[in-house]
Amino acid sequence: MASALGKLVLLATERSAVRSLFTSTRPGRALATRFVAGEELADAIDVARRLNADGFSVSLDHLGEHVTDRGQAVTARDDYLACLDRIAAEGLDANISVKLTQLGLGFDTDLAASSLRELATRAAAAGTTVTIDMEESEHTSATIELYEAAQRVHGNLGVAIQAYLLRSAADLERIIALGGHIRLCKGAYLEPADVAFQGRVEVASSFDRLLEVLMAAPETKPAIATHDDDRLAFARRLAADREAPYEFQLLYGVRGPLQRELVAARYPVRIYLPYGVAWYPYLTRRMAERPANLGFFLRAVIGRS
């Protein structure tokens, strides 16, 4: 959930001049490498292999969203199929995370649904799973519907739930019995007050309420996606009473010492590992969540770091 400053960062980074500054300069690309494994699948596989060796599971995200034609959507699907094949060939402890607008949601729902089914089938053959990322609220209903349909048939999918959305408690109640893994996060998009909680305290309270429901449900696998110390402390208290599987999910490049601390304490930790050329929208959300990352970039631009 972006702060007031974070919301200003998101608005600023939508400007074409700012986008050009980040994507065409060395400091901008250097900042991206803090949070993105690289632009090629081979880069991501190398990083995933290293993370596995350090005790982490991985969720590979081939960056991209809001494609505008069938050819782009089919290419994205095929790229994910190739990723699943590499996961299987390398024997990695990894799954994939997908955005449905990258598979055609928004202009061809049937294509997105068929691609999702194909990915679930290939993931099952590779012995792994598919997580559906949640995007802007305008896509939430369709995302939940496509998740439900695919999960009922394949049984190896999961979906993200954003705690800042007012509808999330009802969505969680609707899908929790399907037995998938549910990634609970705060949410990183700009949303109006009639759709989402706006204050940090409200969002944190919603996160905790939803997490209590998740951790009390043995039929699903909670994936606790937060770097907030208070939320993590609350999650650890709930985890002490949970016998069924769960995991923490943390972003690549964010709070490395915390990630290592959790693994050292024998908590299951999965690192969300993005890769690909379409890294700018992902980077802007990371800056909005922690505007200090913008300071790193500005210092680099003027030659101070």
C-alpha atoms as a PDB file:
ATOM      1  CA  MET A   1       0.000   0.000   0.000  1.00  0.00           C
ATOM      2  CA  ALA A   2       1.590   3.252  -1.131  1.00  0.00           C
ATOM      3  CA  SER A   3       1.912   6.190   1.289  1.00  0.00           C
ATOM      4  CA  ALA A   4       0.883   9.699   0.261  1.00  0.00           C
ATOM      5  CA  LEU A   5       4.429  10.213  -0.992  1.00  0.00           C
ATOM      6  CA  GLY A   6       4.280   6.849  -2.721  1.00  0.00           C
ATOM      7  CA  LYS A   7       1.103   7.880  -4.545  1.00  0.00           C
ATOM      8  CA  LEU A   8       2.884  10.977  -5.810  1.00  0.00           C
ATOM      9  CA  VAL A   9       5.726   8.752  -7.012  1.00  0.00           C
ATOM     10  CA  LEU A  10       3.272   6.568  -8.932  1.00  0.00           C
ATOM     11  CA  LEU A  11       1.677   9.598 -10.571  1.00  0.00           C
ATOM     12  CA  ALA A  12       5.057  11.070 -11.508  1.00  0.00           C
ATOM     13  CA  THR A  13       6.391   7.855 -12.994  1.00  0.00           C
ATOM     14  CA  GLU A  14       3.419   7.660 -15.360  1.00  0.00           C
ATOM     15  CA  ARG A  15       4.826  10.658 -17.239  1.00  0.00           C
ATOM     16  CA  SER A  16       6.674   9.775 -20.441  1.00  0.00           C
ATOM     17  CA  ALA A  17       9.672  11.969 -19.581  1.00  0.00           C
ATOM     18  CA  VAL A  18      10.139  10.203 -16.258  1.00  0.00           C
ATOM     19  CA  ARG A  19       9.758   6.785 -17.888  1.00  0.00           C
ATOM     20  CA  SER A  20      12.446   7.721 -20.415  1.00  0.00           C
ATOM     21  CA  LEU A  21      14.762   8.888 -17.640  1.00  0.00           C
ATOM     22  CA  PHE A  22      14.554   5.510 -15.941  1.00  0.00           C
ATOM     23  CA  THR A  23      14.566   3.203 -18.950  1.00  0.00           C
ATOM     24  CA  SER A  24      17.243   4.937 -21.018  1.00  0.00           C
ATOM     25  CA  THR A  25      19.847   5.777 -18.365  1.00  0.00           C
ATOM     26  CA  ARG A  26      22.365   3.577 -16.642  1.00  0.00           C
ATOM     27  CA  PRO A  27      21.265   4.557 -13.077  1.00  0.00           C
ATOM     28  CA  GLY A  28      17.672   3.648 -13.886  1.00  0.00           C
ATOM     29  CA  ARG A  29      18.609   0.240 -15.194  1.00  0.00           C
ATOM     30  CA  ALA A  30      20.972  -0.245 -12.247  1.00  0.00           C
ATOM     31  CA  LEU A  31      18.112   0.376  -9.856  1.00  0.00           C
ATOM     32  CA  ALA A  32      16.001  -2.178 -11.724  1.00  0.00           C
ATOM     33  CA  THR A  33      18.646  -4.876 -11.215  1.00  0.00           C
ATOM     34  CA  ARG A  34      18.143  -4.555  -7.469  1.00  0.00           C
ATOM     35  CA  PHE A  35      14.636  -5.939  -7.864  1.00  0.00           C
ATOM     36  CA  VAL A  36      14.684  -7.866 -11.172  1.00  0.00           C
ATOM     37  CA  ALA A  37      16.759 -10.987 -11.882  1.00  0.00           C
ATOM     38  CA  GLY A  38      17.544  -9.923 -15.436  1.00  0.00           C
ATOM     39  CA  GLU A  39      15.912  -9.572 -18.824  1.00  0.00           C
ATOM     40  CA  GLU A  40      16.278 -13.199 -19.975  1.00  0.00           C
ATOM     41  CA  LEU A  41      14.908 -16.494 -18.648  1.00  0.00           C
ATOM     42  CA  ALA A  42      18.478 -17.760 -18.273  1.00  0.00           C
ATOM     43  CA  ASP A  43      19.191 -14.888 -15.861  1.00  0.00           C
ATOM     44  CA  ALA A  44      16.179 -15.801 -13.743  1.00  0.00           C
ATOM     45  CA  ILE A  45      17.081 -19.499 -13.697  1.00  0.00           C
ATOM     46  CA  ASP A  46      20.597 -18.681 -12.475  1.00  0.00           C
ATOM     47  CA  VAL A  47      19.223 -16.546  -9.636  1.00  0.00           C
ATOM     48  CA  ALA A  48      16.545 -19.128  -8.787  1.00  0.00           C
ATOM     49  CA  ARG A  49      19.187 -21.839  -8.553  1.00  0.00           C
ATOM     50  CA  ARG A  50      21.207 -19.702  -6.144  1.00  0.00           C
ATOM     51  CA  LEU A  51      18.155 -18.880  -4.026  1.00  0.00           C
ATOM     52  CA  ASN A  52      17.228 -22.567  -3.805  1.00  0.00           C
ATOM     53  CA  ALA A  53      20.758 -23.324  -2.614  1.00  0.00           C
ATOM     54  CA  ASP A  54      20.280 -20.715   0.123  1.00  0.00           C
ATOM     55  CA  GLY A  55      17.080 -22.365   1.344  1.00  0.00           C
ATOM     56  CA  PHE A  56      14.428 -20.330  -0.487  1.00  0.00           C
ATOM     57  CA  SER A  57      11.619 -21.406  -2.759  1.00  0.00           C
ATOM     58  CA  VAL A  58      10.994 -19.143  -5.745  1.00  0.00           C
ATOM     59  CA  SER A  59       8.059 -17.768  -7.730  1.00  0.00           C
ATOM     60  CA  LEU A  60       9.169 -16.732 -11.217  1.00  0.00           C
ATOM     61  CA  ASP A  61       7.336 -13.769 -12.730  1.00  0.00           C
ATOM     62  CA  HIS A  62       7.919 -13.014 -16.424  1.00  0.00           C
ATOM     63  CA  LEU A  63       7.197  -9.309 -16.312  1.00  0.00           C
ATOM     64  CA  GLY A  64       4.461  -7.884 -18.480  1.00  0.00           C
ATOM     65  CA  GLU A  65       0.838  -6.775 -18.231  1.00  0.00           C
ATOM     66  CA  HIS A  66      -1.955  -5.174 -20.226  1.00  0.00           C
ATOM     67  CA  VAL A  67      -0.984  -6.609 -23.603  1.00  0.00           C
ATOM     68  CA  THR A  68      -3.072  -5.284 -26.471  1.00  0.00           C
ATOM     69  CA  ASP A  69      -3.332  -8.056 -29.050  1.00  0.00           C
ATOM     70  CA  ARG A  70      -3.583 -11.802 -29.391  1.00  0.00           C
ATOM     71  CA  GLY A  71      -0.032 -12.231 -30.651  1.00  0.00           C
ATOM     72  CA  GLN A  72       1.438 -10.604 -27.543  1.00  0.00           C
ATOM     73  CA  ALA A  73      -0.765 -12.706 -25.274  1.00  0.00           C
ATOM     74  CA  VAL A  74       0.189 -15.957 -27.012  1.00  0.00           C
ATOM     75  CA  THR A  75       3.877 -15.026 -26.824  1.00  0.00           C
ATOM     76  CA  ALA A  76       3.519 -14.392 -23.081  1.00  0.00           C
ATOM     77  CA  ARG A  77       1.845 -17.782 -22.625  1.00  0.00           C
ATOM     78  CA  ASP A  78       4.618 -19.510 -24.578  1.00  0.00           C
ATOM     79  CA  ASP A  79       7.278 -17.727 -22.543  1.00  0.00           C
ATOM     80  CA  TYR A  80       5.684 -19.071 -19.372  1.00  0.00           C
ATOM     81  CA  LEU A  81       5.479 -22.568 -20.833  1.00  0.00           C
ATOM     82  CA  ALA A  82       9.211 -22.356 -21.532  1.00  0.00           C
ATOM     83  CA  CYS A  83       9.770 -21.199 -17.962  1.00  0.00           C
ATOM     84  CA  LEU A  84       7.874 -24.204 -16.618  1.00  0.00           C
ATOM     85  CA  ASP A  85       9.934 -26.522 -18.816  1.00  0.00           C
ATOM     86  CA  ARG A  86      13.142 -25.037 -17.397  1.00  0.00           C
ATOM     87  CA  ILE A  87      11.844 -25.399 -13.843  1.00  0.00           C
ATOM     88  CA  ALA A  88      11.258 -29.087 -14.519  1.00  0.00           C
ATOM     89  CA  ALA A  89      14.572 -29.617 -16.329  1.00  0.00           C
ATOM     90  CA  GLU A  90      16.566 -27.893 -13.585  1.00  0.00           C
ATOM     91  CA  GLY A  91      14.636 -29.538 -10.746  1.00  0.00           C
ATOM     92  CA  LEU A  92      14.029 -26.140  -9.184  1.00  0.00           C
ATOM     93  CA  ASP A  93      11.883 -25.511  -6.128  1.00  0.00           C
ATOM     94  CA  ALA A  94       9.867 -22.916  -8.010  1.00  0.00           C
ATOM     95  CA  ASN A  95       6.475 -22.046  -9.399  1.00  0.00           C
ATOM     96  CA  ILE A  96       5.266 -19.234 -11.677  1.00  0.00           C
ATOM     97  CA  SER A  97       3.265 -16.070 -11.054  1.00  0.00           C
ATOM     98  CA  VAL A  98       1.182 -14.713 -13.923  1.00  0.00           C
ATOM     99  CA  LYS A  99      -0.859 -11.593 -14.623  1.00  0.00           C
ATOM    100  CA  LEU A 100      -4.010 -12.380 -16.554  1.00  0.00           C
ATOM    101  CA  THR A 101      -3.881  -9.105 -18.511  1.00  0.00           C
ATOM    102  CA  GLN A 102      -0.606 -10.442 -19.920  1.00  0.00           C
ATOM    103  CA  LEU A 103      -2.520 -13.486 -21.192  1.00  0.00           C
ATOM    104  CA  GLY A 104      -5.316 -11.504 -22.818  1.00  0.00           C
ATOM    105  CA  LEU A 105      -7.691 -10.492 -20.035  1.00  0.00           C
ATOM    106  CA  GLY A 106      -9.144  -7.131 -20.969  1.00  0.00           C
ATOM    107  CA  PHE A 107      -9.690  -7.882 -24.634  1.00  0.00           C
ATOM    108  CA  ASP A 108     -10.108 -11.668 -24.931  1.00  0.00           C
ATOM    109  CA  THR A 109     -11.217 -13.407 -21.755  1.00  0.00           C
ATOM    110  CA  ASP A 110     -11.558 -16.780 -23.492  1.00  0.00           C
ATOM    111  CA  LEU A 111      -7.924 -16.608 -24.607  1.00  0.00           C
ATOM    112  CA  ALA A 112      -6.794 -15.746 -21.065  1.00  0.00           C
ATOM    113  CA  ALA A 113      -8.825 -18.645 -19.672  1.00  0.00           C
ATOM    114  CA  SER A 114      -7.488 -21.183 -22.175  1.00  0.00           C
ATOM    115  CA  SER A 115      -3.904 -20.014 -21.649  1.00  0.00           C
ATOM    116  CA  LEU A 116      -4.333 -20.299 -17.888  1.00  0.00           C
ATOM    117  CA  ARG A 117      -5.596 -23.862 -18.280  1.00  0.00           C
ATOM    118  CA  GLU A 118      -2.626 -24.718 -20.485  1.00  0.00           C
ATOM    119  CA  LEU A 119      -0.203 -23.293 -17.944  1.00  0.00           C
ATOM    120  CA  ALA A 120      -1.857 -25.252 -15.135  1.00  0.00           C
ATOM    121  CA  THR A 121      -1.549 -28.469 -17.153  1.00  0.00           C
ATOM    122  CA  ARG A 122       2.136 -27.874 -17.901  1.00  0.00           C
ATOM    123  CA  ALA A 123       2.783 -26.880 -14.287  1.00  0.00           C
ATOM    124  CA  ALA A 124       1.219 -30.124 -13.081  1.00  0.00           C
ATOM    125  CA  ALA A 125       3.515 -32.068 -15.400  1.00  0.00           C
ATOM    126  CA  ALA A 126       6.448 -30.150 -13.922  1.00  0.00           C
ATOM    127  CA  GLY A 127       5.267 -30.902 -10.382  1.00  0.00           C
ATOM    128  CA  THR A 128       4.569 -27.290  -9.538  1.00  0.00           C
ATOM    129  CA  THR A 129       1.866 -24.634  -9.341  1.00  0.00           C
ATOM    130  CA  VAL A 130       0.604 -21.394 -10.877  1.00  0.00           C
ATOM    131  CA  THR A 131      -0.138 -18.252  -8.869  1.00  0.00           C
ATOM    132  CA  ILE A 132      -2.400 -15.603 -10.392  1.00  0.00           C
ATOM    133  CA  ASP A 133      -1.317 -12.093  -9.472  1.00  0.00           C
ATOM    134  CA  MET A 134      -4.073  -9.635  -8.649  1.00  0.00           C
ATOM    135  CA  GLU A 135      -4.068  -6.433 -10.685  1.00  0.00           C
ATOM    136  CA  GLU A 136      -6.134  -3.247 -10.690  1.00  0.00           C
ATOM    137  CA  SER A 137      -9.606  -3.521  -9.169  1.00  0.00           C
ATOM    138  CA  GLU A 138     -11.325  -3.349 -12.559  1.00  0.00           C
ATOM    139  CA  HIS A 139      -9.967  -6.859 -13.216  1.00  0.00           C
ATOM    140  CA  THR A 140     -10.662  -8.378  -9.790  1.00  0.00           C
ATOM    141  CA  SER A 141     -14.015 -10.014 -10.561  1.00  0.00           C
ATOM    142  CA  ALA A 142     -12.789 -11.611 -13.791  1.00  0.00           C
ATOM    143  CA  THR A 143      -9.586 -12.761 -12.099  1.00  0.00           C
ATOM    144  CA  ILE A 144     -11.506 -14.490  -9.317  1.00  0.00           C
ATOM    145  CA  GLU A 145     -13.823 -16.144 -11.831  1.00  0.00           C
ATOM    146  CA  LEU A 146     -10.980 -17.476 -13.994  1.00  0.00           C
ATOM    147  CA  TYR A 147      -9.154 -18.706 -10.902  1.00  0.00           C
ATOM    148  CA  GLU A 148     -12.228 -20.558  -9.651  1.00  0.00           C
ATOM    149  CA  ALA A 149     -12.823 -22.266 -13.003  1.00  0.00           C
ATOM    150  CA  ALA A 150      -9.204 -23.379 -13.432  1.00  0.00           C
ATOM    151  CA  GLN A 151      -8.685 -24.411  -9.813  1.00  0.00           C
ATOM    152  CA  ARG A 152     -11.776 -26.624  -9.779  1.00  0.00           C
ATOM    153  CA  VAL A 153     -10.393 -28.573 -12.749  1.00  0.00           C
ATOM    154  CA  HIS A 154      -6.645 -28.597 -12.119  1.00  0.00           C
ATOM    155  CA  GLY A 155      -6.238 -28.076  -8.372  1.00  0.00           C
ATOM    156  CA  ASN A 156      -2.722 -26.621  -8.606  1.00  0.00           C
ATOM    157  CA  LEU A 157      -3.395 -22.894  -8.718  1.00  0.00           C
ATOM    158  CA  GLY A 158      -3.332 -20.016  -6.306  1.00  0.00           C
ATOM    159  CA  VAL A 159      -4.387 -16.378  -6.390  1.00  0.00           C
ATOM    160  CA  ALA A 160      -3.400 -13.131  -4.724  1.00  0.00           C
ATOM    161  CA  ILE A 161      -5.797 -11.240  -2.468  1.00  0.00           C
ATOM    162  CA  GLN A 162      -5.141  -7.547  -1.797  1.00  0.00           C
ATOM    163  CA  ALA A 163      -5.958  -6.494   1.745  1.00  0.00           C
ATOM    164  CA  TYR A 164      -6.637  -2.876   0.832  1.00  0.00           C
ATOM    165  CA  LEU A 165      -9.631  -3.737  -1.354  1.00  0.00           C
ATOM    166  CA  LEU A 166     -12.966  -3.413   0.435  1.00  0.00           C
ATOM    167  CA  ARG A 167     -14.252  -6.545  -1.299  1.00  0.00           C
ATOM    168  CA  SER A 168     -11.396  -8.845  -0.259  1.00  0.00           C
ATOM    169  CA  ALA A 169     -13.086 -10.383   2.802  1.00  0.00           C
ATOM    170  CA  ALA A 170     -15.970 -11.549   0.614  1.00  0.00           C
ATOM    171  CA  ASP A 171     -13.592 -12.778  -2.093  1.00  0.00           C
ATOM    172  CA  LEU A 172     -11.620 -14.762   0.453  1.00  0.00           C
ATOM    173  CA  GLU A 173     -14.754 -16.357   1.851  1.00  0.00           C
ATOM    174  CA  ARG A 174     -15.759 -17.288  -1.698  1.00  0.00           C
ATOM    175  CA  ILE A 175     -12.508 -19.024  -2.712  1.00  0.00           C
ATOM    176  CA  ILE A 176     -11.031 -20.384   0.482  1.00  0.00           C
ATOM    177  CA  ALA A 177     -12.663 -23.817   0.157  1.00  0.00           C
ATOM    178  CA  LEU A 178     -11.113 -24.406  -3.274  1.00  0.00           C
ATOM    179  CA  GLY A 179      -7.897 -25.606  -1.660  1.00  0.00           C
ATOM    180  CA  GLY A 180      -5.448 -23.424  -3.538  1.00  0.00           C
ATOM    181  CA  HIS A 181      -2.649 -21.299  -2.186  1.00  0.00           C
ATOM    182  CA  ILE A 182      -3.657 -17.728  -1.428  1.00  0.00           C
ATOM    183  CA  ARG A 183      -1.101 -14.946  -1.446  1.00  0.00           C
ATOM    184  CA  LEU A 184      -2.182 -12.203   0.936  1.00  0.00           C
ATOM    185  CA  CYS A 185      -0.604  -8.824   0.224  1.00  0.00           C
ATOM    186  CA  LYS A 186      -1.514  -5.236   1.025  1.00  0.00           C
ATOM    187  CA  GLY A 187      -1.880  -4.031  -2.584  1.00  0.00           C
ATOM    188  CA  ALA A 188       0.237  -1.712  -4.709  1.00  0.00           C
ATOM    189  CA  TYR A 189      -2.080   0.074  -7.174  1.00  0.00           C
ATOM    190  CA  LEU A 190      -3.750   3.455  -6.876  1.00  0.00           C
ATOM    191  CA  GLU A 191      -7.418   2.839  -6.028  1.00  0.00           C
ATOM    192  CA  PRO A 192     -10.204   5.273  -4.997  1.00  0.00           C
ATOM    193  CA  ALA A 193     -11.793   5.379  -1.553  1.00  0.00           C
ATOM    194  CA  ASP A 194     -14.974   3.651  -2.699  1.00  0.00           C
ATOM    195  CA  VAL A 195     -12.878   0.632  -3.711  1.00  0.00           C
ATOM    196  CA  ALA A 196      -9.982   0.480  -1.249  1.00  0.00           C
ATOM    197  CA  PHE A 197      -8.964   1.455   2.258  1.00  0.00           C
ATOM    198  CA  GLN A 198      -6.776   4.550   2.053  1.00  0.00           C
ATOM    199  CA  GLY A 199      -4.984   4.730   5.406  1.00  0.00           C
ATOM    200  CA  ARG A 200      -2.087   2.572   6.556  1.00  0.00           C
ATOM    201  CA  VAL A 201      -3.838   1.626   9.801  1.00  0.00           C
ATOM    202  CA  GLU A 202      -6.979   0.539   7.965  1.00  0.00           C
ATOM    203  CA  VAL A 203      -4.988  -1.525   5.475  1.00  0.00           C
ATOM    204  CA  ALA A 204      -2.941  -3.151   8.228  1.00  0.00           C
ATOM    205  CA  SER A 205      -6.100  -4.020  10.165  1.00  0.00           C
ATOM    206  CA  SER A 206      -7.661  -5.545   7.055  1.00  0.00           C
ATOM    207  CA  PHE A 207      -4.510  -7.554   6.403  1.00  0.00           C
ATOM    208  CA  ASP A 208      -4.556  -8.962   9.933  1.00  0.00           C
ATOM    209  CA  ARG A 209      -8.245  -9.861   9.778  1.00  0.00           C
ATOM    210  CA  LEU A 210      -7.819 -11.684   6.482  1.00  0.00           C
ATOM    211  CA  LEU A 211      -4.684 -13.419   7.698  1.00  0.00           C
ATOM    212  CA  GLU A 212      -6.515 -14.742  10.756  1.00  0.00           C
ATOM    213  CA  VAL A 213      -9.119 -16.280   8.474  1.00  0.00           C
ATOM    214  CA  LEU A 214      -6.471 -17.777   6.192  1.00  0.00           C
ATOM    215  CA  MET A 215      -4.322 -19.239   8.946  1.00  0.00           C
ATOM    216  CA  ALA A 216      -7.385 -20.847  10.555  1.00  0.00           C
ATOM    217  CA  ALA A 217      -8.298 -22.639   7.293  1.00  0.00           C
ATOM    218  CA  PRO A 218      -6.431 -25.957   6.877  1.00  0.00           C
ATOM    219  CA  GLU A 219      -7.813 -26.550   3.387  1.00  0.00           C
ATOM    220  CA  THR A 220      -5.818 -23.682   1.850  1.00  0.00           C
ATOM    221  CA  LYS A 221      -2.137 -22.742   1.890  1.00  0.00           C
ATOM    222  CA  PRO A 222      -1.577 -19.150   3.046  1.00  0.00           C
ATOM    223  CA  ALA A 223       1.254 -17.247   1.385  1.00  0.00           C
ATOM    224  CA  ILE A 224       1.995 -14.277   3.637  1.00  0.00           C
ATOM    225  CA  ALA A 225       3.355 -11.525   1.391  1.00  0.00           C
ATOM    226  CA  THR A 226       4.544  -8.594   3.478  1.00  0.00           C
ATOM    227  CA  HIS A 227       7.733  -6.878   4.639  1.00  0.00           C
ATOM    228  CA  ASP A 228       5.925  -5.044   7.449  1.00  0.00           C
ATOM    229  CA  ASP A 229       7.510  -5.979  10.785  1.00  0.00           C
ATOM    230  CA  ASP A 230       4.237  -5.752  12.713  1.00  0.00           C
ATOM    231  CA  ARG A 231       2.380  -7.887  10.181  1.00  0.00           C
ATOM    232  CA  LEU A 232       5.222 -10.415  10.210  1.00  0.00           C
ATOM    233  CA  ALA A 233       5.200 -10.593  13.998  1.00  0.00           C
ATOM    234  CA  PHE A 234       1.444 -11.199  13.952  1.00  0.00           C
ATOM    235  CA  ALA A 235       1.872 -13.876  11.280  1.00  0.00           C
ATOM    236  CA  ARG A 236       4.528 -15.663  13.337  1.00  0.00           C
ATOM    237  CA  ARG A 237       2.188 -15.788  16.308  1.00  0.00           C
ATOM    238  CA  LEU A 238      -0.530 -17.332  14.151  1.00  0.00           C
ATOM    239  CA  ALA A 239       1.953 -19.751  12.578  1.00  0.00           C
ATOM    240  CA  ALA A 240       2.838 -21.156  15.993  1.00  0.00           C
ATOM    241  CA  ASP A 241      -0.640 -22.706  16.161  1.00  0.00           C
ATOM    242  CA  ARG A 242      -0.884 -23.853  12.537  1.00  0.00           C
ATOM    243  CA  GLU A 243      -0.128 -27.447  11.556  1.00  0.00           C
ATOM    244  CA  ALA A 244      -1.079 -27.197   7.866  1.00  0.00           C
ATOM    245  CA  PRO A 245       1.395 -25.755   5.309  1.00  0.00           C
ATOM    246  CA  TYR A 246       1.941 -22.030   4.866  1.00  0.00           C
ATOM    247  CA  GLU A 247       4.799 -19.829   3.671  1.00  0.00           C
ATOM    248  CA  PHE A 248       6.142 -16.312   3.744  1.00  0.00           C
ATOM    249  CA  GLN A 249       6.584 -14.591   0.390  1.00  0.00           C
ATOM    250  CA  LEU A 250       9.071 -11.750   0.023  1.00  0.00           C
ATOM    251  CA  LEU A 251      10.202  -9.703  -2.957  1.00  0.00           C
ATOM    252  CA  TYR A 252      13.583 -10.224  -4.563  1.00  0.00           C
ATOM    253  CA  GLY A 253      15.925  -7.421  -3.537  1.00  0.00           C
ATOM    254  CA  VAL A 254      13.813  -6.216  -0.611  1.00  0.00           C
ATOM    255  CA  ARG A 255      15.034  -6.677   2.979  1.00  0.00           C
ATOM    256  CA  GLY A 256      17.603  -9.381   2.337  1.00  0.00           C
ATOM    257  CA  PRO A 257      18.618  -9.660   6.027  1.00  0.00           C
ATOM    258  CA  LEU A 258      14.972 -10.297   6.964  1.00  0.00           C
ATOM    259  CA  GLN A 259      14.715 -13.000   4.308  1.00  0.00           C
ATOM    260  CA  ARG A 260      17.801 -14.754   5.654  1.00  0.00           C
ATOM    261  CA  GLU A 261      16.574 -14.369   9.235  1.00  0.00           C
ATOM    262  CA  LEU A 262      13.303 -16.130   8.437  1.00  0.00           C
ATOM    263  CA  VAL A 263      15.048 -18.992   6.649  1.00  0.00           C
ATOM    264  CA  ALA A 264      17.540 -19.358   9.500  1.00  0.00           C
ATOM    265  CA  ALA A 265      14.571 -19.645  11.880  1.00  0.00           C
ATOM    266  CA  ARG A 266      13.260 -22.475   9.645  1.00  0.00           C
ATOM    267  CA  TYR A 267      10.238 -20.632   8.310  1.00  0.00           C
ATOM    268  CA  PRO A 268       9.254 -21.569   4.730  1.00  0.00           C
ATOM    269  CA  VAL A 269      10.107 -18.583   2.524  1.00  0.00           C
ATOM    270  CA  ARG A 270       9.394 -18.084  -1.181  1.00  0.00           C
ATOM    271  CA  ILE A 271      11.059 -15.246  -3.077  1.00  0.00           C
ATOM    272  CA  TYR A 272       9.003 -13.487  -5.749  1.00  0.00           C
ATOM    273  CA  LEU A 273      11.532 -13.283  -8.575  1.00  0.00           C
ATOM    274  CA  PRO A 274      10.652 -11.104 -11.584  1.00  0.00           C
ATOM    275  CA  TYR A 275      12.536 -11.075 -14.883  1.00  0.00           C
ATOM    276  CA  GLY A 276      12.066  -9.709 -18.381  1.00  0.00           C
ATOM    277  CA  VAL A 277      12.328  -6.525 -20.401  1.00  0.00           C
ATOM    278  CA  ALA A 278       9.004  -5.059 -19.201  1.00  0.00           C
ATOM    279  CA  TRP A 279      10.406  -4.103 -15.816  1.00  0.00           C
ATOM    280  CA  TYR A 280       9.377  -0.432 -15.581  1.00  0.00           C
ATOM    281  CA  PRO A 281       5.813  -0.810 -14.170  1.00  0.00           C
ATOM    282  CA  TYR A 282       7.110  -3.273 -11.591  1.00  0.00           C
ATOM    283  CA  LEU A 283       9.922  -0.902 -10.602  1.00  0.00           C
ATOM    284  CA  THR A 284       7.546   2.034 -10.149  1.00  0.00           C
ATOM    285  CA  ARG A 285       5.423   0.047  -7.710  1.00  0.00           C
ATOM    286  CA  ARG A 286       8.534  -0.835  -5.702  1.00  0.00           C
ATOM    287  CA  MET A 287       9.476   2.844  -5.540  1.00  0.00           C
ATOM    288  CA  ALA A 288       5.965   3.805  -4.462  1.00  0.00           C
ATOM    289  CA  GLU A 289       6.107   1.283  -1.626  1.00  0.00           C
ATOM    290  CA  ARG A 290       9.496   2.629  -0.511  1.00  0.00           C
ATOM    291  CA  PRO A 291      10.309   6.085  -1.877  1.00  0.00           C
ATOM    292  CA  ALA A 292      13.867   5.756  -0.525  1.00  0.00           C
ATOM    293  CA  ASN A 293      14.502   3.688  -3.651  1.00  0.00           C
ATOM    294  CA  LEU A 294      13.857   6.858  -5.660  1.00  0.00           C
ATOM    295  CA  GLY A 295      16.544   8.590  -3.624  1.00  0.00           C
ATOM    296  CA  PHE A 296      18.999   5.869  -4.621  1.00  0.00           C
ATOM    297  CA  PHE A 297      18.246   6.590  -8.271  1.00  0.00           C
ATOM    298  CA  LEU A 298      18.558  10.365  -7.938  1.00  0.00           C
ATOM    299  CA  ARG A 299      21.911  10.071  -6.178  1.00  0.00           C
ATOM    300  CA  ALA A 300      23.128   7.844  -8.972  1.00  0.00           C
ATOM    301  CA  VAL A 301      21.979  10.329 -11.620  1.00  0.00           C
ATOM    302  CA  ILE A 302      24.070  13.111 -10.107  1.00  0.00           C
ATOM    303  CA  GLY A 303      27.046  10.820  -9.558  1.00  0.00           C
ATOM    304  CA  ARG A 304      26.917  10.416  -5.800  1.00  0.00           C
ATOM    305  CA  SER A 305      26.473   6.648  -5.622  1.00  0.00           C
END
